Amino acid sequence: MRFSSSRNAFTLLELLVVIAIIGTLIGLLLPAVQKVREAAARTQCTNHLKQMGTACHNFHSVFGYFPSDNAATAPPYPYPNTCWILQTLPFYEQQNTVQAVNNGSSSGGSGPGNATGTGSLAPVNNGKIVLQFLLCPSRGIRGEGLTDYNFVQQSTAVLYGAPVGVSATVIANMNGTANTAMAAHLGCNPQDYALGPTTWYNCIQPLSTQSMQDRQVPPGQFDQFLSSPHPGGNGVLFADGHVQLLANDWLTANPNVWNWQNTLPLLFP
């Protein structure tokens, strides 16, 4: 009588082949998954910047000009010497995160000429609050009181008017609201994500218009440059409220995009 021989297990060679095929498939799928995840994060980041633009325009609708971070602001400006993000939070329906104060502190931003404290408004709980709409999802939701977005500090920046803020009408007659940047990603190396780039109640801005990838920022030098975690460039909010991803090289080479008084043509990509 003959018995048929049958195998109930893979040979070692077959098992190694299967493992190799699975490894190859994972290697092919992983970049695609990462691209989808980054695309979703960039879309959410764009929405955060658009929310910031809406808050600034709602502020403008009430007062007739955009908020200003300039220490030289004075009455009738409603919030003299107050960090600009603090001023916009009620227009995000985040009025519970700020409180009015009679005498401002001097513990705020230390950049030359920017608001030195909370002149009229102060953060609740010393700012130890996570506001996800001020954070880029590609950098992660982390820390307390951090923001990834701010502007380049110069005398002709949209958010740096004095003694009151800059109006959209004035910008439209100069560089144009669609051509003038209002906020972008601040510089921060991935090693420093837990600490920076800055806090939303300190309002520290870079003086340099240089923009780069996050990994190119020297560790420990956050908020001194512009940088982005997104492949392809830095997400920029413009004074008309639209958001555009601009190449880091283009931003570095075109500092006038931050100058609302600029009258030279800007060649956008």
Foldseek 3Di string as FASTA:
>chain_A
DDDDDDDPDDDPVVVVVVVVVVVVVCVVVVVVVVVVVLVVLVVLLQVLLLLVLQLQVVVCVVVVAGAAQFQQADPVAVFHLFQRLQVSCVSSVNVVQKDFDCAWDQCAADPPGTRRTRGTMATPPNQQAFDPSQDRPLLNREGTQAGQKFAADDCQFQRHDPNYGHHQVLLCVACRQVQAFHMWGWAAASVCSNPHLDGSRRRYAANAQQEEANNPDPHPPTRNYGYYPHPQAIWTATNVSHIDGAHRVLSNVCVCSRGSRHHDDRDGD
